[in-house]
Structures are given as C-alpha cells and as structure tokens.
C-alpha cells in the first residue's frame, strides 16, 4: 500500500520572512490595501510505499527533519492519505 504525504513547511513566526515581506509590499503597491501580511512556505508531496500508516508517518517525520525542513528556523506539518 502507498501513502501520499502532503507536507507544508513554513518559517517560524520569530523568523523574518523576507520573501513574504516582498510579496506583502508588492500587493500593497498593486492596490490590495486590505492584505495585512504574507508569508512564504513550501508544499511538497511525497509517495511513501508502506503497508502501515504508523510506519509511513515515522518515515515522513524523518525526511522532514533530515531533509525537507530546517528545524532551527522552520516548522512542518503533514497529512497522510492512502494513494
């Protein structure tokens, strides 16, 4: 059985999001004054071939910590779906 992990990686709130600030400024310049803030993140989908949902979750946590996010600066969350 395979699972699809839908992973979101975002900067921690305490970290200045330079890209988000640039987007926020551009939106204001385009006339979108109602936009209060913008933050940029990453979205990744990974296929995990495991029979057990707990094993797929463990693998997803490991790859997020080891490769897909920087635990010092970023948070991550994910959802597993049966593929």
PDB file of N, CA and C in Angstrom:
ATOM      1  N   UNK A   1       0.855  -1.180   0.000  1.00  0.00           N
ATOM      2  CA  UNK A   1       0.000   0.000   0.000  1.00  0.00           C
ATOM      3  C   UNK A   1       0.895   1.236   0.000  1.00  0.00           C
ATOM      4  N   UNK A   2       0.429   2.264  -0.614  1.00  0.00           N
ATOM      5  CA  UNK A   2       1.187   3.509  -0.671  1.00  0.00           C
ATOM      6  C   UNK A   2       0.391   4.626  -0.008  1.00  0.00           C
ATOM      7  N   UNK A   3       1.118   5.562   0.526  1.00  0.00           N
ATOM      8  CA  UNK A   3       0.535   6.761   1.124  1.00  0.00           C
ATOM      9  C   UNK A   3       1.125   7.978   0.434  1.00  0.00           C
ATOM     10  N   UNK A   4       0.328   9.012   0.334  1.00  0.00           N
ATOM     11  CA  UNK A   4       0.816  10.295  -0.142  1.00  0.00           C
ATOM     12  C   UNK A   4       0.904  11.221   1.055  1.00  0.00           C
ATOM     13  N   UNK A   5       2.098  11.744   1.283  1.00  0.00           N
ATOM     14  CA  UNK A   5       2.311  12.709   2.366  1.00  0.00           C
ATOM     15  C   UNK A   5       2.249  14.099   1.760  1.00  0.00           C
ATOM     16  N   UNK A   6       1.345  14.919   2.266  1.00  0.00           N
ATOM     17  CA  UNK A   6       1.212  16.304   1.826  1.00  0.00           C
ATOM     18  C   UNK A   6       1.833  17.167   2.925  1.00  0.00           C
ATOM     19  N   UNK A   7       2.995  17.735   2.621  1.00  0.00           N
ATOM     20  CA  UNK A   7       3.842  18.380   3.623  1.00  0.00           C
ATOM     21  C   UNK A   7       3.863  19.892   3.407  1.00  0.00           C
ATOM     22  N   UNK A   8       3.693  20.632   4.490  1.00  0.00           N
ATOM     23  CA  UNK A   8       3.802  22.093   4.466  1.00  0.00           C
ATOM     24  C   UNK A   8       4.959  22.495   5.375  1.00  0.00           C
ATOM     25  N   UNK A   9       5.855  23.314   4.848  1.00  0.00           N
ATOM     26  CA  UNK A   9       6.991  23.806   5.610  1.00  0.00           C
ATOM     27  C   UNK A   9       6.904  25.331   5.628  1.00  0.00           C
ATOM     28  N   UNK A  10       6.938  25.904   6.817  1.00  0.00           N
ATOM     29  CA  UNK A  10       6.856  27.363   6.960  1.00  0.00           C
ATOM     30  C   UNK A  10       7.923  27.852   7.927  1.00  0.00           C
ATOM     31  N   UNK A  11       8.308  29.097   7.754  1.00  0.00           N
ATOM     32  CA  UNK A  11       9.240  29.705   8.702  1.00  0.00           C
ATOM     33  C   UNK A  11       8.552  29.883  10.045  1.00  0.00           C
ATOM     34  N   UNK A  12       9.307  29.737  11.112  1.00  0.00           N
ATOM     35  CA  UNK A  12       8.751  30.010  12.437  1.00  0.00           C
ATOM     36  C   UNK A  12       8.358  31.478  12.512  1.00  0.00           C
ATOM     37  N   UNK A  13       7.374  31.785  13.333  1.00  0.00           N
ATOM     38  CA  UNK A  13       6.868  33.153  13.451  1.00  0.00           C
ATOM     39  C   UNK A  13       7.961  34.140  13.847  1.00  0.00           C
ATOM     40  N   UNK A  14       8.944  33.685  14.625  1.00  0.00           N
ATOM     41  CA  UNK A  14      10.005  34.577  15.110  1.00  0.00           C
ATOM     42  C   UNK A  14      11.053  34.885  14.041  1.00  0.00           C
ATOM     43  N   UNK A  15      11.002  34.200  12.893  1.00  0.00           N
ATOM     44  CA  UNK A  15      11.982  34.393  11.824  1.00  0.00           C
ATOM     45  C   UNK A  15      11.419  35.370  10.797  1.00  0.00           C
ATOM     46  N   UNK A  16      12.222  36.368  10.446  1.00  0.00           N
ATOM     47  CA  UNK A  16      11.809  37.348   9.440  1.00  0.00           C
ATOM     48  C   UNK A  16      11.663  36.660   8.087  1.00  0.00           C
ATOM     49  N   UNK A  17      10.516  36.798   7.476  1.00  0.00           N
ATOM     50  CA  UNK A  17      10.224  36.208   6.175  1.00  0.00           C
ATOM     51  C   UNK A  17      10.422  37.286   5.109  1.00  0.00           C
ATOM     52  N   UNK A  18      11.625  37.355   4.554  1.00  0.00           N
ATOM     53  CA  UNK A  18      11.968  38.391   3.591  1.00  0.00           C
ATOM     54  C   UNK A  18      11.121  38.269   2.330  1.00  0.00           C
ATOM     55  N   UNK A  19      10.922  37.051   1.835  1.00  0.00           N
ATOM     56  CA  UNK A  19      10.092  36.857   0.643  1.00  0.00           C
ATOM     57  C   UNK A  19       8.644  37.258   0.917  1.00  0.00           C
ATOM     58  N   UNK A  20       8.142  36.901   2.086  1.00  0.00           N
ATOM     59  CA  UNK A  20       6.781  37.273   2.455  1.00  0.00           C
ATOM     60  C   UNK A  20       6.607  38.779   2.517  1.00  0.00           C
ATOM     61  N   UNK A  21       7.609  39.461   3.080  1.00  0.00           N
ATOM     62  CA  UNK A  21       7.554  40.932   3.150  1.00  0.00           C
ATOM     63  C   UNK A  21       7.559  41.545   1.761  1.00  0.00           C
ATOM     64  N   UNK A  22       8.341  40.983   0.838  1.00  0.00           N
ATOM     65  CA  UNK A  22       8.381  41.492  -0.533  1.00  0.00           C
ATOM     66  C   UNK A  22       7.018  41.322  -1.209  1.00  0.00           C
ATOM     67  N   UNK A  23       6.391  40.160  -1.009  1.00  0.00           N
ATOM     68  CA  UNK A  23       5.064  39.918  -1.578  1.00  0.00           C
ATOM     69  C   UNK A  23       4.044  40.876  -0.955  1.00  0.00           C
ATOM     70  N   UNK A  24       4.107  41.029   0.354  1.00  0.00           N
ATOM     71  CA  UNK A  24       3.197  41.945   1.051  1.00  0.00           C
ATOM     72  C   UNK A  24       3.330  43.359   0.492  1.00  0.00           C
ATOM     73  N   UNK A  25       4.565  43.828   0.317  1.00  0.00           N
ATOM     74  CA  UNK A  25       4.807  45.171  -0.215  1.00  0.00           C
ATOM     75  C   UNK A  25       4.286  45.294  -1.652  1.00  0.00           C
ATOM     76  N   UNK A  26       4.525  44.267  -2.469  1.00  0.00           N
ATOM     77  CA  UNK A  26       4.050  44.289  -3.857  1.00  0.00           C
ATOM     78  C   UNK A  26       2.525  44.320  -3.918  1.00  0.00           C
ATOM     79  N   UNK A  27       1.867  43.545  -3.049  1.00  0.00           N
ATOM     80  CA  UNK A  27       0.404  43.551  -3.027  1.00  0.00           C
ATOM     81  C   UNK A  27      -0.147  44.920  -2.645  1.00  0.00           C
ATOM     82  N   UNK A  28       0.492  45.555  -1.681  1.00  0.00           N
ATOM     83  CA  UNK A  28       0.069  46.909  -1.303  1.00  0.00           C
ATOM     84  C   UNK A  28       0.255  47.874  -2.467  1.00  0.00           C
ATOM     85  N   UNK A  29       1.384  47.755  -3.188  1.00  0.00           N
ATOM     86  CA  UNK A  29       1.631  48.623  -4.349  1.00  0.00           C
ATOM     87  C   UNK A  29       0.636  48.363  -5.477  1.00  0.00           C
ATOM     88  N   UNK A  30       0.101  47.160  -5.550  1.00  0.00           N
ATOM     89  CA  UNK A  30      -0.893  46.832  -6.575  1.00  0.00           C
ATOM     90  C   UNK A  30      -2.308  47.247  -6.165  1.00  0.00           C
ATOM     91  N   UNK A  31      -2.431  47.839  -4.993  1.00  0.00           N
ATOM     92  CA  UNK A  31      -3.726  48.343  -4.569  1.00  0.00           C
ATOM     93  C   UNK A  31      -4.506  47.427  -3.648  1.00  0.00           C
ATOM     94  N   UNK A  32      -3.893  46.377  -3.167  1.00  0.00           N
ATOM     95  CA  UNK A  32      -4.569  45.449  -2.255  1.00  0.00           C
ATOM     96  C   UNK A  32      -4.288  45.853  -0.809  1.00  0.00           C
ATOM     97  N   UNK A  33      -4.840  46.992  -0.424  1.00  0.00           N
ATOM     98  CA  UNK A  33      -4.610  47.542   0.905  1.00  0.00           C
ATOM     99  C   UNK A  33      -5.202  46.727   2.034  1.00  0.00           C
ATOM    100  N   UNK A  34      -6.135  45.855   1.721  1.00  0.00           N
ATOM    101  CA  UNK A  34      -6.748  45.042   2.768  1.00  0.00           C
ATOM    102  C   UNK A  34      -5.877  43.852   3.175  1.00  0.00           C
ATOM    103  N   UNK A  35      -4.815  43.586   2.423  1.00  0.00           N
ATOM    104  CA  UNK A  35      -3.905  42.484   2.769  1.00  0.00           C
ATOM    105  C   UNK A  35      -3.043  42.926   3.936  1.00  0.00           C
ATOM    106  N   UNK A  36      -3.126  42.171   5.028  1.00  0.00           N
ATOM    107  CA  UNK A  36      -2.381  42.545   6.230  1.00  0.00           C
ATOM    108  C   UNK A  36      -0.966  42.025   6.253  1.00  0.00           C
ATOM    109  N   UNK A  37      -0.771  40.789   5.834  1.00  0.00           N
ATOM    110  CA  UNK A  37       0.570  40.217   5.826  1.00  0.00           C
ATOM    111  C   UNK A  37       0.610  39.028   4.878  1.00  0.00           C
ATOM    112  N   UNK A  38       1.819  38.648   4.519  1.00  0.00           N
ATOM    113  CA  UNK A  38       2.017  37.482   3.654  1.00  0.00           C
ATOM    114  C   UNK A  38       3.250  36.743   4.142  1.00  0.00           C
ATOM    115  N   UNK A  39       3.181  35.418   4.122  1.00  0.00           N
ATOM    116  CA  UNK A  39       4.327  34.581   4.489  1.00  0.00           C
ATOM    117  C   UNK A  39       4.477  33.520   3.406  1.00  0.00           C
ATOM    118  N   UNK A  40       5.699  33.186   3.090  1.00  0.00           N
ATOM    119  CA  UNK A  40       6.013  32.234   2.037  1.00  0.00           C
ATOM    120  C   UNK A  40       6.450  30.918   2.678  1.00  0.00           C
ATOM    121  N   UNK A  41       6.029  29.813   2.093  1.00  0.00           N
ATOM    122  CA  UNK A  41       6.418  28.499   2.584  1.00  0.00           C
ATOM    123  C   UNK A  41       6.622  27.546   1.425  1.00  0.00           C
ATOM    124  N   UNK A  42       6.725  26.262   1.754  1.00  0.00           N
ATOM    125  CA  UNK A  42       6.921  25.232   0.741  1.00  0.00           C
ATOM    126  C   UNK A  42       5.829  24.180   0.905  1.00  0.00           C
ATOM    127  N   UNK A  43       5.414  23.602  -0.215  1.00  0.00           N
ATOM    128  CA  UNK A  43       4.467  22.497  -0.224  1.00  0.00           C
ATOM    129  C   UNK A  43       5.107  21.360  -1.002  1.00  0.00           C
ATOM    130  N   UNK A  44       5.165  20.173  -0.398  1.00  0.00           N
ATOM    131  CA  UNK A  44       5.817  19.032  -1.014  1.00  0.00           C
ATOM    132  C   UNK A  44       4.898  17.824  -0.906  1.00  0.00           C
ATOM    133  N   UNK A  45       4.776  17.050  -1.973  1.00  0.00           N
ATOM    134  CA  UNK A  45       4.062  15.778  -1.923  1.00  0.00           C
ATOM    135  C   UNK A  45       5.065  14.656  -2.125  1.00  0.00           C
ATOM    136  N   UNK A  46       4.991  13.656  -1.247  1.00  0.00           N
ATOM    137  CA  UNK A  46       5.905  12.518  -1.295  1.00  0.00           C
ATOM    138  C   UNK A  46       5.082  11.238  -1.245  1.00  0.00           C
ATOM    139  N   UNK A  47       5.406  10.294  -2.110  1.00  0.00           N
ATOM    140  CA  UNK A  47       4.777   8.981  -2.081  1.00  0.00           C
ATOM    141  C   UNK A  47       5.615   8.062  -1.200  1.00  0.00           C
ATOM    142  N   UNK A  48       4.959   7.399  -0.234  1.00  0.00           N
ATOM    143  CA  UNK A  48       5.655   6.505   0.685  1.00  0.00           C
ATOM    144  C   UNK A  48       5.016   5.123   0.567  1.00  0.00           C
ATOM    145  N   UNK A  49       5.802   4.140   0.160  1.00  0.00           N
ATOM    146  CA  UNK A  49       5.310   2.778  -0.042  1.00  0.00           C
ATOM    147  C   UNK A  49       5.483   1.965   1.238  1.00  0.00           C
ATOM    148  N   UNK A  50       4.505   2.027   2.097  1.00  0.00           N
ATOM    149  CA  UNK A  50       4.472   1.270   3.355  1.00  0.00           C
ATOM    150  C   UNK A  50       3.067   0.719   3.541  1.00  0.00           C
ATOM    151  N   UNK A  51       2.962  -0.442   4.175  1.00  0.00           N
ATOM    152  CA  UNK A  51       1.653  -1.032   4.456  1.00  0.00           C
ATOM    153  C   UNK A  51       1.005  -0.435   5.698  1.00  0.00           C
ATOM    154  N   UNK A  52       1.818   0.064   6.599  1.00  0.00           N
ATOM    155  CA  UNK A  52       1.358   0.540   7.896  1.00  0.00           C
ATOM    156  C   UNK A  52       1.385   2.072   7.946  1.00  0.00           C
ATOM    157  N   UNK A  53       0.288   2.678   8.345  1.00  0.00           N
ATOM    158  CA  UNK A  53       0.213   4.137   8.426  1.00  0.00           C
ATOM    159  C   UNK A  53       1.214   4.692   9.428  1.00  0.00           C
ATOM    160  N   UNK A  54       1.448   3.990  10.534  1.00  0.00           N
ATOM    161  CA  UNK A  54       2.420   4.466  11.526  1.00  0.00           C
ATOM    162  C   UNK A  54       3.837   4.474  10.964  1.00  0.00           C
ATOM    163  N   UNK A  55       4.169   3.477  10.164  1.00  0.00           N
ATOM    164  CA  UNK A  55       5.488   3.447   9.527  1.00  0.00           C
ATOM    165  C   UNK A  55       5.626   4.592   8.525  1.00  0.00           C
ATOM    166  N   UNK A  56       4.589   4.846   7.754  1.00  0.00           N
ATOM    167  CA  UNK A  56       4.614   5.960   6.793  1.00  0.00           C
ATOM    168  C   UNK A  56       4.757   7.287   7.524  1.00  0.00           C
ATOM    169  N   UNK A  57       4.064   7.433   8.656  1.00  0.00           N
ATOM    170  CA  UNK A  57       4.168   8.662   9.450  1.00  0.00           C
ATOM    171  C   UNK A  57       5.583   8.839  10.000  1.00  0.00           C
ATOM    172  N   UNK A  58       6.177   7.755  10.482  1.00  0.00           N
ATOM    173  CA  UNK A  58       7.543   7.815  11.010  1.00  0.00           C
ATOM    174  C   UNK A  58       8.518   8.242   9.918  1.00  0.00           C
ATOM    175  N   UNK A  59       8.391   7.648   8.731  1.00  0.00           N
ATOM    176  CA  UNK A  59       9.266   7.994   7.615  1.00  0.00           C
ATOM    177  C   UNK A  59       9.088   9.462   7.232  1.00  0.00           C
ATOM    178  N   UNK A  60       7.848   9.917   7.181  1.00  0.00           N
ATOM    179  CA  UNK A  60       7.578  11.308   6.823  1.00  0.00           C
ATOM    180  C   UNK A  60       8.214  12.265   7.834  1.00  0.00           C
ATOM    181  N   UNK A  61       8.068  11.970   9.124  1.00  0.00           N
ATOM    182  CA  UNK A  61       8.720  12.795  10.146  1.00  0.00           C
ATOM    183  C   UNK A  61      10.224  12.834   9.948  1.00  0.00           C
ATOM    184  N   UNK A  62      10.820  11.687   9.675  1.00  0.00           N
ATOM    185  CA  UNK A  62      12.272  11.620   9.499  1.00  0.00           C
ATOM    186  C   UNK A  62      12.735  12.448   8.307  1.00  0.00           C
ATOM    187  N   UNK A  63      12.048  12.319   7.155  1.00  0.00           N
ATOM    188  CA  UNK A  63      12.501  13.076   5.988  1.00  0.00           C
ATOM    189  C   UNK A  63      12.275  14.577   6.155  1.00  0.00           C
ATOM    190  N   UNK A  64      11.229  14.938   6.904  1.00  0.00           N
ATOM    191  CA  UNK A  64      11.010  16.363   7.176  1.00  0.00           C
ATOM    192  C   UNK A  64      12.138  16.921   8.039  1.00  0.00           C
ATOM    193  N   UNK A  65      12.519  16.172   9.067  1.00  0.00           N
ATOM    194  CA  UNK A  65      13.577  16.629   9.979  1.00  0.00           C
ATOM    195  C   UNK A  65      14.954  16.599   9.332  1.00  0.00           C
ATOM    196  N   UNK A  66      15.222  15.598   8.502  1.00  0.00           N
ATOM    197  CA  UNK A  66      16.558  15.422   7.939  1.00  0.00           C
ATOM    198  C   UNK A  66      16.801  16.172   6.640  1.00  0.00           C
ATOM    199  N   UNK A  67      15.733  16.432   5.865  1.00  0.00           N
ATOM    200  CA  UNK A  67      15.943  16.997   4.537  1.00  0.00           C
ATOM    201  C   UNK A  67      15.034  18.163   4.179  1.00  0.00           C
ATOM    202  N   UNK A  68      13.754  18.023   4.415  1.00  0.00           N
ATOM    203  CA  UNK A  68      12.799  18.989   3.860  1.00  0.00           C
ATOM    204  C   UNK A  68      12.643  20.268   4.664  1.00  0.00           C
ATOM    205  N   UNK A  69      13.035  20.251   5.933  1.00  0.00           N
ATOM    206  CA  UNK A  69      12.913  21.467   6.750  1.00  0.00           C
ATOM    207  C   UNK A  69      14.190  21.685   7.541  1.00  0.00           C
ATOM    208  N   UNK A  70      14.363  22.909   7.975  1.00  0.00           N
ATOM    209  CA  UNK A  70      15.449  23.263   8.883  1.00  0.00           C
ATOM    210  C   UNK A  70      14.798  23.467  10.247  1.00  0.00           C
ATOM    211  N   UNK A  71      14.923  22.494  11.154  1.00  0.00           N
ATOM    212  CA  UNK A  71      14.206  22.559  12.433  1.00  0.00           C
ATOM    213  C   UNK A  71      14.533  23.790  13.283  1.00  0.00           C
ATOM    214  N   UNK A  72      15.654  24.430  13.020  1.00  0.00           N
ATOM    215  CA  UNK A  72      16.020  25.633  13.774  1.00  0.00           C
ATOM    216  C   UNK A  72      15.150  26.816  13.354  1.00  0.00           C
ATOM    217  N   UNK A  73      14.810  26.884  12.054  1.00  0.00           N
ATOM    218  CA  UNK A  73      14.104  28.046  11.513  1.00  0.00           C
ATOM    219  C   UNK A  73      12.689  27.758  11.038  1.00  0.00           C
ATOM    220  N   UNK A  74      12.364  26.488  10.799  1.00  0.00           N
ATOM    221  CA  UNK A  74      11.104  26.166  10.142  1.00  0.00           C
ATOM    222  C   UNK A  74      10.269  25.171  10.949  1.00  0.00           C
ATOM    223  N   UNK A  75       8.971  25.266  10.750  1.00  0.00           N
ATOM    224  CA  UNK A  75       8.018  24.279  11.258  1.00  0.00           C
ATOM    225  C   UNK A  75       7.501  23.486  10.063  1.00  0.00           C
ATOM    226  N   UNK A  76       7.040  22.280  10.337  1.00  0.00           N
ATOM    227  CA  UNK A  76       6.418  21.496   9.276  1.00  0.00           C
ATOM    228  C   UNK A  76       5.186  20.796   9.820  1.00  0.00           C
ATOM    229  N   UNK A  77       4.296  20.517   8.911  1.00  0.00           N
ATOM    230  CA  UNK A  77       3.120  19.694   9.220  1.00  0.00           C
ATOM    231  C   UNK A  77       2.817  18.859   7.991  1.00  0.00           C
ATOM    232  N   UNK A  78       2.117  17.750   8.188  1.00  0.00           N
ATOM    233  CA  UNK A  78       1.788  16.923   7.041  1.00  0.00           C
ATOM    234  C   UNK A  78       0.500  16.151   7.298  1.00  0.00           C
ATOM    235  N   UNK A  79      -0.082  15.714   6.186  1.00  0.00           N
ATOM    236  CA  UNK A  79      -1.249  14.841   6.208  1.00  0.00           C
ATOM    237  C   UNK A  79      -0.919  13.633   5.354  1.00  0.00           C
ATOM    238  N   UNK A  80      -1.286  12.465   5.823  1.00  0.00           N
ATOM    239  CA  UNK A  80      -1.102  11.247   5.041  1.00  0.00           C
ATOM    240  C   UNK A  80      -2.437  10.831   4.447  1.00  0.00           C
ATOM    241  N   UNK A  81      -2.411  10.454   3.176  1.00  0.00           N
ATOM    242  CA  UNK A  81      -3.600   9.938   2.502  1.00  0.00           C
ATOM    243  C   UNK A  81      -3.239   8.631   1.835  1.00  0.00           C
ATOM    244  N   UNK A  82      -4.147   7.677   1.848  1.00  0.00           N
ATOM    245  CA  UNK A  82      -3.920   6.447   1.099  1.00  0.00           C
ATOM    246  C   UNK A  82      -3.929   6.767  -0.378  1.00  0.00           C
ATOM    247  N   UNK A  83      -2.936   6.264  -1.064  1.00  0.00           N
ATOM    248  CA  UNK A  83      -2.838   6.548  -2.503  1.00  0.00           C
ATOM    249  C   UNK A  83      -3.596   5.512  -3.308  1.00  0.00           C
TER     250      UNK A  83
END
